[in-house]
Amino acid sequence: MSERIIIGVKNKANVNKPWLGLIDAIAEEVDGKLLPITEQSFCPTRQVFIVTGYEELEANFKVGELFKIRVELNQEE
């Protein structure tokens, strides 16, 4: 399982399923340093799809506020 520490901001919740949502990835923490997220280092959209708990992000962070989140690579194909 591959996991990464991402610094991001809220994007939007799914209207019908508020536990789902997107965040915009801004930077990645690697060996104690922050590296900018690029299409080449992450993915073309530079977004993370949150599959559970997005409503907690909505409640705890304001629009534009940075937060750190641990993400795991999707194992489904």
PDB file of N, CA and C in Angstrom:
ATOM      1  N   MET A   1       0.851  -1.182   0.000  1.00  0.00           N
ATOM      2  CA  MET A   1       0.000   0.000   0.000  1.00  0.00           C
ATOM      3  C   MET A   1       0.884   1.228   0.000  1.00  0.00           C
ATOM      4  N   SER A   2       0.648   2.149  -0.912  1.00  0.00           N
ATOM      5  CA  SER A   2       1.439   3.364  -1.025  1.00  0.00           C
ATOM      6  C   SER A   2       0.658   4.527  -0.425  1.00  0.00           C
ATOM      7  N   GLU A   3       1.286   5.228   0.535  1.00  0.00           N
ATOM      8  CA  GLU A   3       0.612   6.387   1.097  1.00  0.00           C
ATOM      9  C   GLU A   3       1.517   7.598   1.022  1.00  0.00           C
ATOM     10  N   ARG A   4       0.875   8.770   0.955  1.00  0.00           N
ATOM     11  CA  ARG A   4       1.589  10.028   0.809  1.00  0.00           C
ATOM     12  C   ARG A   4       0.967  11.045   1.753  1.00  0.00           C
ATOM     13  N   ILE A   5       1.774  12.005   2.193  1.00  0.00           N
ATOM     14  CA  ILE A   5       1.283  13.102   3.026  1.00  0.00           C
ATOM     15  C   ILE A   5       1.119  14.318   2.115  1.00  0.00           C
ATOM     16  N   ILE A   6      -0.122  14.782   2.011  1.00  0.00           N
ATOM     17  CA  ILE A   6      -0.473  15.852   1.092  1.00  0.00           C
ATOM     18  C   ILE A   6      -0.951  17.073   1.879  1.00  0.00           C
ATOM     19  N   ILE A   7      -0.545  18.254   1.426  1.00  0.00           N
ATOM     20  CA  ILE A   7      -1.082  19.517   1.922  1.00  0.00           C
ATOM     21  C   ILE A   7      -2.105  19.947   0.873  1.00  0.00           C
ATOM     22  N   GLY A   8      -3.317  20.231   1.319  1.00  0.00           N
ATOM     23  CA  GLY A   8      -4.362  20.549   0.361  1.00  0.00           C
ATOM     24  C   GLY A   8      -5.382  21.527   0.894  1.00  0.00           C
ATOM     25  N   VAL A   9      -6.350  21.817   0.051  1.00  0.00           N
ATOM     26  CA  VAL A   9      -7.498  22.655   0.400  1.00  0.00           C
ATOM     27  C   VAL A   9      -8.755  21.955  -0.088  1.00  0.00           C
ATOM     28  N   LYS A  10      -9.872  22.263   0.568  1.00  0.00           N
ATOM     29  CA  LYS A  10     -11.145  21.681   0.154  1.00  0.00           C
ATOM     30  C   LYS A  10     -11.498  22.141  -1.256  1.00  0.00           C
ATOM     31  N   ASN A  11     -12.112  21.244  -2.014  1.00  0.00           N
ATOM     32  CA  ASN A  11     -12.629  21.602  -3.319  1.00  0.00           C
ATOM     33  C   ASN A  11     -14.146  21.595  -3.247  1.00  0.00           C
ATOM     34  N   LYS A  12     -14.753  20.400  -3.211  1.00  0.00           N
ATOM     35  CA  LYS A  12     -16.215  20.337  -3.095  1.00  0.00           C
ATOM     36  C   LYS A  12     -16.651  18.961  -2.626  1.00  0.00           C
ATOM     37  N   ALA A  13     -17.780  18.954  -1.958  1.00  0.00           N
ATOM     38  CA  ALA A  13     -18.400  17.710  -1.510  1.00  0.00           C
ATOM     39  C   ALA A  13     -19.369  17.231  -2.585  1.00  0.00           C
ATOM     40  N   ASN A  14     -19.664  15.936  -2.574  1.00  0.00           N
ATOM     41  CA  ASN A  14     -20.687  15.365  -3.432  1.00  0.00           C
ATOM     42  C   ASN A  14     -22.039  15.795  -2.858  1.00  0.00           C
ATOM     43  N   VAL A  15     -22.887  16.370  -3.679  1.00  0.00           N
ATOM     44  CA  VAL A  15     -24.172  16.894  -3.214  1.00  0.00           C
ATOM     45  C   VAL A  15     -25.040  15.811  -2.575  1.00  0.00           C
ATOM     46  N   ASN A  16     -25.081  14.624  -3.173  1.00  0.00           N
ATOM     47  CA  ASN A  16     -25.944  13.554  -2.687  1.00  0.00           C
ATOM     48  C   ASN A  16     -25.290  12.669  -1.632  1.00  0.00           C
ATOM     49  N   LYS A  17     -23.974  12.690  -1.551  1.00  0.00           N
ATOM     50  CA  LYS A  17     -23.233  11.860  -0.597  1.00  0.00           C
ATOM     51  C   LYS A  17     -22.162  12.725   0.059  1.00  0.00           C
ATOM     52  N   PRO A  18     -22.494  13.469   1.116  1.00  0.00           N
ATOM     53  CA  PRO A  18     -21.561  14.447   1.689  1.00  0.00           C
ATOM     54  C   PRO A  18     -20.296  13.854   2.299  1.00  0.00           C
ATOM     55  N   TRP A  19     -20.212  12.548   2.472  1.00  0.00           N
ATOM     56  CA  TRP A  19     -18.983  11.928   2.976  1.00  0.00           C
ATOM     57  C   TRP A  19     -17.945  11.779   1.866  1.00  0.00           C
ATOM     58  N   LEU A  20     -18.360  12.006   0.595  1.00  0.00           N
ATOM     59  CA  LEU A  20     -17.463  11.971  -0.558  1.00  0.00           C
ATOM     60  C   LEU A  20     -17.121  13.390  -0.972  1.00  0.00           C
ATOM     61  N   GLY A  21     -15.910  13.583  -1.489  1.00  0.00           N
ATOM     62  CA  GLY A  21     -15.556  14.916  -1.977  1.00  0.00           C
ATOM     63  C   GLY A  21     -14.175  14.951  -2.589  1.00  0.00           C
ATOM     64  N   LEU A  22     -13.796  16.141  -3.032  1.00  0.00           N
ATOM     65  CA  LEU A  22     -12.495  16.359  -3.654  1.00  0.00           C
ATOM     66  C   LEU A  22     -11.701  17.385  -2.867  1.00  0.00           C
ATOM     67  N   ILE A  23     -10.385  17.170  -2.810  1.00  0.00           N
ATOM     68  CA  ILE A  23      -9.493  18.214  -2.319  1.00  0.00           C
ATOM     69  C   ILE A  23      -8.479  18.507  -3.419  1.00  0.00           C
ATOM     70  N   ASP A  24      -7.992  19.731  -3.436  1.00  0.00           N
ATOM     71  CA  ASP A  24      -6.937  20.125  -4.356  1.00  0.00           C
ATOM     72  C   ASP A  24      -5.610  19.954  -3.637  1.00  0.00           C
ATOM     73  N   ALA A  25      -4.715  19.177  -4.228  1.00  0.00           N
ATOM     74  CA  ALA A  25      -3.403  18.928  -3.642  1.00  0.00           C
ATOM     75  C   ALA A  25      -2.471  20.080  -4.018  1.00  0.00           C
ATOM     76  N   ILE A  26      -1.854  20.697  -3.006  1.00  0.00           N
ATOM     77  CA  ILE A  26      -0.978  21.844  -3.211  1.00  0.00           C
ATOM     78  C   ILE A  26       0.490  21.429  -3.132  1.00  0.00           C
ATOM     79  N   ALA A  27       0.811  20.631  -2.108  1.00  0.00           N
ATOM     80  CA  ALA A  27       2.195  20.212  -1.876  1.00  0.00           C
ATOM     81  C   ALA A  27       2.196  18.822  -1.257  1.00  0.00           C
ATOM     82  N   GLU A  28       3.381  18.212  -1.254  1.00  0.00           N
ATOM     83  CA  GLU A  28       3.553  16.904  -0.644  1.00  0.00           C
ATOM     84  C   GLU A  28       4.720  16.973   0.330  1.00  0.00           C
ATOM     85  N   GLU A  29       4.546  16.368   1.503  1.00  0.00           N
ATOM     86  CA  GLU A  29       5.624  16.311   2.482  1.00  0.00           C
ATOM     87  C   GLU A  29       6.476  15.076   2.189  1.00  0.00           C
ATOM     88  N   VAL A  30       7.751  15.312   1.913  1.00  0.00           N
ATOM     89  CA  VAL A  30       8.692  14.228   1.624  1.00  0.00           C
ATOM     90  C   VAL A  30       9.954  14.483   2.436  1.00  0.00           C
ATOM     91  N   ASP A  31      10.283  13.552   3.333  1.00  0.00           N
ATOM     92  CA  ASP A  31      11.475  13.676   4.174  1.00  0.00           C
ATOM     93  C   ASP A  31      11.528  15.019   4.896  1.00  0.00           C
ATOM     94  N   GLY A  32      10.387  15.463   5.414  1.00  0.00           N
ATOM     95  CA  GLY A  32      10.331  16.695   6.187  1.00  0.00           C
ATOM     96  C   GLY A  32      10.327  17.973   5.363  1.00  0.00           C
ATOM     97  N   LYS A  33      10.300  17.855   4.040  1.00  0.00           N
ATOM     98  CA  LYS A  33      10.278  19.026   3.164  1.00  0.00           C
ATOM     99  C   LYS A  33       8.977  19.040   2.379  1.00  0.00           C
ATOM    100  N   LEU A  34       8.512  20.251   2.043  1.00  0.00           N
ATOM    101  CA  LEU A  34       7.322  20.388   1.206  1.00  0.00           C
ATOM    102  C   LEU A  34       7.740  20.580  -0.243  1.00  0.00           C
ATOM    103  N   LEU A  35       7.205  19.710  -1.093  1.00  0.00           N
ATOM    104  CA  LEU A  35       7.473  19.791  -2.530  1.00  0.00           C
ATOM    105  C   LEU A  35       6.177  20.131  -3.247  1.00  0.00           C
ATOM    106  N   PRO A  36       6.219  21.043  -4.213  1.00  0.00           N
ATOM    107  CA  PRO A  36       4.984  21.389  -4.932  1.00  0.00           C
ATOM    108  C   PRO A  36       4.432  20.184  -5.695  1.00  0.00           C
ATOM    109  N   ILE A  37       3.118  20.099  -5.730  1.00  0.00           N
ATOM    110  CA  ILE A  37       2.445  19.062  -6.509  1.00  0.00           C
ATOM    111  C   ILE A  37       2.406  19.515  -7.964  1.00  0.00           C
ATOM    112  N   THR A  38       2.793  18.616  -8.852  1.00  0.00           N
ATOM    113  CA  THR A  38       2.715  18.888 -10.289  1.00  0.00           C
ATOM    114  C   THR A  38       1.963  17.744 -10.952  1.00  0.00           C
ATOM    115  N   GLU A  39       1.592  17.941 -12.196  1.00  0.00           N
ATOM    116  CA  GLU A  39       0.937  16.872 -12.947  1.00  0.00           C
ATOM    117  C   GLU A  39       1.849  15.658 -13.061  1.00  0.00           C
ATOM    118  N   GLN A  40       3.136  15.893 -13.171  1.00  0.00           N
ATOM    119  CA  GLN A  40       4.089  14.799 -13.331  1.00  0.00           C
ATOM    120  C   GLN A  40       4.338  14.059 -12.015  1.00  0.00           C
ATOM    121  N   SER A  41       4.320  14.762 -10.890  1.00  0.00           N
ATOM    122  CA  SER A  41       4.632  14.125  -9.612  1.00  0.00           C
ATOM    123  C   SER A  41       3.411  13.516  -8.930  1.00  0.00           C
ATOM    124  N   PHE A  42       2.220  13.845  -9.406  1.00  0.00           N
ATOM    125  CA  PHE A  42       1.010  13.386  -8.721  1.00  0.00           C
ATOM    126  C   PHE A  42       0.024  12.792  -9.716  1.00  0.00           C
ATOM    127  N   CYS A  43      -0.815  13.625 -10.299  1.00  0.00           N
ATOM    128  CA  CYS A  43      -1.753  13.207 -11.341  1.00  0.00           C
ATOM    129  C   CYS A  43      -2.191  14.454 -12.105  1.00  0.00           C
ATOM    130  N   PRO A  44      -2.751  14.302 -13.299  1.00  0.00           N
ATOM    131  CA  PRO A  44      -3.100  15.475 -14.109  1.00  0.00           C
ATOM    132  C   PRO A  44      -4.058  16.460 -13.441  1.00  0.00           C
ATOM    133  N   THR A  45      -4.979  15.975 -12.629  1.00  0.00           N
ATOM    134  CA  THR A  45      -5.950  16.884 -12.005  1.00  0.00           C
ATOM    135  C   THR A  45      -5.414  17.542 -10.737  1.00  0.00           C
ATOM    136  N   ARG A  46      -4.371  16.963 -10.157  1.00  0.00           N
ATOM    137  CA  ARG A  46      -3.812  17.409  -8.863  1.00  0.00           C
ATOM    138  C   ARG A  46      -4.900  17.449  -7.792  1.00  0.00           C
ATOM    139  N   GLN A  47      -5.800  16.466  -7.844  1.00  0.00           N
ATOM    140  CA  GLN A  47      -6.878  16.358  -6.869  1.00  0.00           C
ATOM    141  C   GLN A  47      -6.862  14.991  -6.211  1.00  0.00           C
ATOM    142  N   VAL A  48      -7.453  14.939  -5.030  1.00  0.00           N
ATOM    143  CA  VAL A  48      -7.612  13.686  -4.293  1.00  0.00           C
ATOM    144  C   VAL A  48      -9.099  13.476  -4.073  1.00  0.00           C
ATOM    145  N   PHE A  49      -9.581  12.291  -4.424  1.00  0.00           N
ATOM    146  CA  PHE A  49     -10.975  11.926  -4.188  1.00  0.00           C
ATOM    147  C   PHE A  49     -11.066  11.309  -2.801  1.00  0.00           C
ATOM    148  N   ILE A  50     -11.838  11.926  -1.927  1.00  0.00           N
ATOM    149  CA  ILE A  50     -12.021  11.466  -0.555  1.00  0.00           C
ATOM    150  C   ILE A  50     -13.242  10.551  -0.525  1.00  0.00           C
ATOM    151  N   VAL A  51     -13.060   9.305  -0.073  1.00  0.00           N
ATOM    152  CA  VAL A  51     -14.142   8.327  -0.114  1.00  0.00           C
ATOM    153  C   VAL A  51     -14.871   8.171   1.217  1.00  0.00           C
ATOM    154  N   THR A  52     -14.387   8.805   2.262  1.00  0.00           N
ATOM    155  CA  THR A  52     -15.099   8.777   3.542  1.00  0.00           C
ATOM    156  C   THR A  52     -14.629   9.939   4.410  1.00  0.00           C
ATOM    157  N   GLY A  53     -15.556  10.553   5.115  1.00  0.00           N
ATOM    158  CA  GLY A  53     -15.213  11.598   6.071  1.00  0.00           C
ATOM    159  C   GLY A  53     -15.053  12.993   5.513  1.00  0.00           C
ATOM    160  N   TYR A  54     -15.475  13.246   4.281  1.00  0.00           N
ATOM    161  CA  TYR A  54     -15.317  14.598   3.731  1.00  0.00           C
ATOM    162  C   TYR A  54     -16.081  15.626   4.559  1.00  0.00           C
ATOM    163  N   GLU A  55     -17.185  15.219   5.150  1.00  0.00           N
ATOM    164  CA  GLU A  55     -17.975  16.149   5.952  1.00  0.00           C
ATOM    165  C   GLU A  55     -17.169  16.672   7.135  1.00  0.00           C
ATOM    166  N   GLU A  56     -16.202  15.916   7.643  1.00  0.00           N
ATOM    167  CA  GLU A  56     -15.326  16.388   8.717  1.00  0.00           C
ATOM    168  C   GLU A  56     -14.422  17.520   8.224  1.00  0.00           C
ATOM    169  N   LEU A  57     -13.930  17.404   6.991  1.00  0.00           N
ATOM    170  CA  LEU A  57     -13.140  18.485   6.406  1.00  0.00           C
ATOM    171  C   LEU A  57     -13.996  19.736   6.263  1.00  0.00           C
ATOM    172  N   GLU A  58     -15.237  19.565   5.808  1.00  0.00           N
ATOM    173  CA  GLU A  58     -16.154  20.692   5.652  1.00  0.00           C
ATOM    174  C   GLU A  58     -16.370  21.404   6.989  1.00  0.00           C
ATOM    175  N   ALA A  59     -16.501  20.633   8.057  1.00  0.00           N
ATOM    176  CA  ALA A  59     -16.780  21.206   9.371  1.00  0.00           C
ATOM    177  C   ALA A  59     -15.552  21.856  10.009  1.00  0.00           C
ATOM    178  N   ASN A  60     -14.358  21.333   9.726  1.00  0.00           N
ATOM    179  CA  ASN A  60     -13.168  21.770  10.448  1.00  0.00           C
ATOM    180  C   ASN A  60     -12.270  22.760   9.722  1.00  0.00           C
ATOM    181  N   PHE A  61     -12.466  22.949   8.419  1.00  0.00           N
ATOM    182  CA  PHE A  61     -11.583  23.833   7.665  1.00  0.00           C
ATOM    183  C   PHE A  61     -12.389  24.815   6.834  1.00  0.00           C
ATOM    184  N   LYS A  62     -11.920  26.067   6.803  1.00  0.00           N
ATOM    185  CA  LYS A  62     -12.561  27.114   6.011  1.00  0.00           C
ATOM    186  C   LYS A  62     -12.093  27.006   4.557  1.00  0.00           C
ATOM    187  N   VAL A  63     -12.813  27.644   3.661  1.00  0.00           N
ATOM    188  CA  VAL A  63     -12.439  27.690   2.249  1.00  0.00           C
ATOM    189  C   VAL A  63     -11.049  28.312   2.141  1.00  0.00           C
ATOM    190  N   GLY A  64     -10.145  27.652   1.427  1.00  0.00           N
ATOM    191  CA  GLY A  64      -8.799  28.171   1.232  1.00  0.00           C
ATOM    192  C   GLY A  64      -7.816  27.846   2.341  1.00  0.00           C
ATOM    193  N   GLU A  65      -8.297  27.269   3.444  1.00  0.00           N
ATOM    194  CA  GLU A  65      -7.419  26.926   4.564  1.00  0.00           C
ATOM    195  C   GLU A  65      -6.660  25.632   4.252  1.00  0.00           C
ATOM    196  N   LEU A  66      -5.348  25.660   4.441  1.00  0.00           N
ATOM    197  CA  LEU A  66      -4.514  24.492   4.185  1.00  0.00           C
ATOM    198  C   LEU A  66      -4.634  23.467   5.304  1.00  0.00           C
ATOM    199  N   PHE A  67      -4.552  22.199   4.952  1.00  0.00           N
ATOM    200  CA  PHE A  67      -4.519  21.127   5.940  1.00  0.00           C
ATOM    201  C   PHE A  67      -3.649  19.999   5.409  1.00  0.00           C
ATOM    202  N   LYS A  68      -3.220  19.143   6.313  1.00  0.00           N
ATOM    203  CA  LYS A  68      -2.388  17.999   5.964  1.00  0.00           C
ATOM    204  C   LYS A  68      -3.245  16.748   6.054  1.00  0.00           C
ATOM    205  N   ILE A  69      -3.083  15.869   5.069  1.00  0.00           N
ATOM    206  CA  ILE A  69      -3.870  14.645   5.046  1.00  0.00           C
ATOM    207  C   ILE A  69      -3.006  13.501   4.497  1.00  0.00           C
ATOM    208  N   ARG A  70      -3.184  12.338   5.068  1.00  0.00           N
ATOM    209  CA  ARG A  70      -2.489  11.138   4.597  1.00  0.00           C
ATOM    210  C   ARG A  70      -3.404  10.459   3.581  1.00  0.00           C
ATOM    211  N   VAL A  71      -2.901  10.243   2.374  1.00  0.00           N
ATOM    212  CA  VAL A  71      -3.704   9.606   1.332  1.00  0.00           C
ATOM    213  C   VAL A  71      -3.063   8.303   0.910  1.00  0.00           C
ATOM    214  N   GLU A  72      -3.894   7.384   0.461  1.00  0.00           N
ATOM    215  CA  GLU A  72      -3.426   6.080  -0.010  1.00  0.00           C
ATOM    216  C   GLU A  72      -3.790   5.917  -1.474  1.00  0.00           C
ATOM    217  N   LEU A  73      -2.918   5.277  -2.201  1.00  0.00           N
ATOM    218  CA  LEU A  73      -3.139   4.984  -3.602  1.00  0.00           C
ATOM    219  C   LEU A  73      -4.336   4.056  -3.752  1.00  0.00           C
ATOM    220  N   ASN A  74      -5.212   4.354  -4.682  1.00  0.00           N
ATOM    221  CA  ASN A  74      -6.352   3.511  -4.959  1.00  0.00           C
ATOM    222  C   ASN A  74      -5.861   2.154  -5.461  1.00  0.00           C
ATOM    223  N   GLN A  75      -6.328   1.083  -4.854  1.00  0.00           N
ATOM    224  CA  GLN A  75      -5.891  -0.250  -5.222  1.00  0.00           C
ATOM    225  C   GLN A  75      -6.807  -0.902  -6.253  1.00  0.00           C
ATOM    226  N   GLU A  76      -7.943  -0.265  -6.563  1.00  0.00           N
ATOM    227  CA  GLU A  76      -8.873  -0.820  -7.546  1.00  0.00           C
ATOM    228  C   GLU A  76      -8.458  -0.423  -8.952  1.00  0.00           C
ATOM    229  N   GLU A  77      -8.762  -1.281  -9.904  1.00  0.00           N
ATOM    230  CA  GLU A  77      -8.468  -0.960 -11.309  1.00  0.00           C
ATOM    231  C   GLU A  77      -9.720  -1.044 -12.127  1.00  0.00           C
TER     232      GLU A  77
END
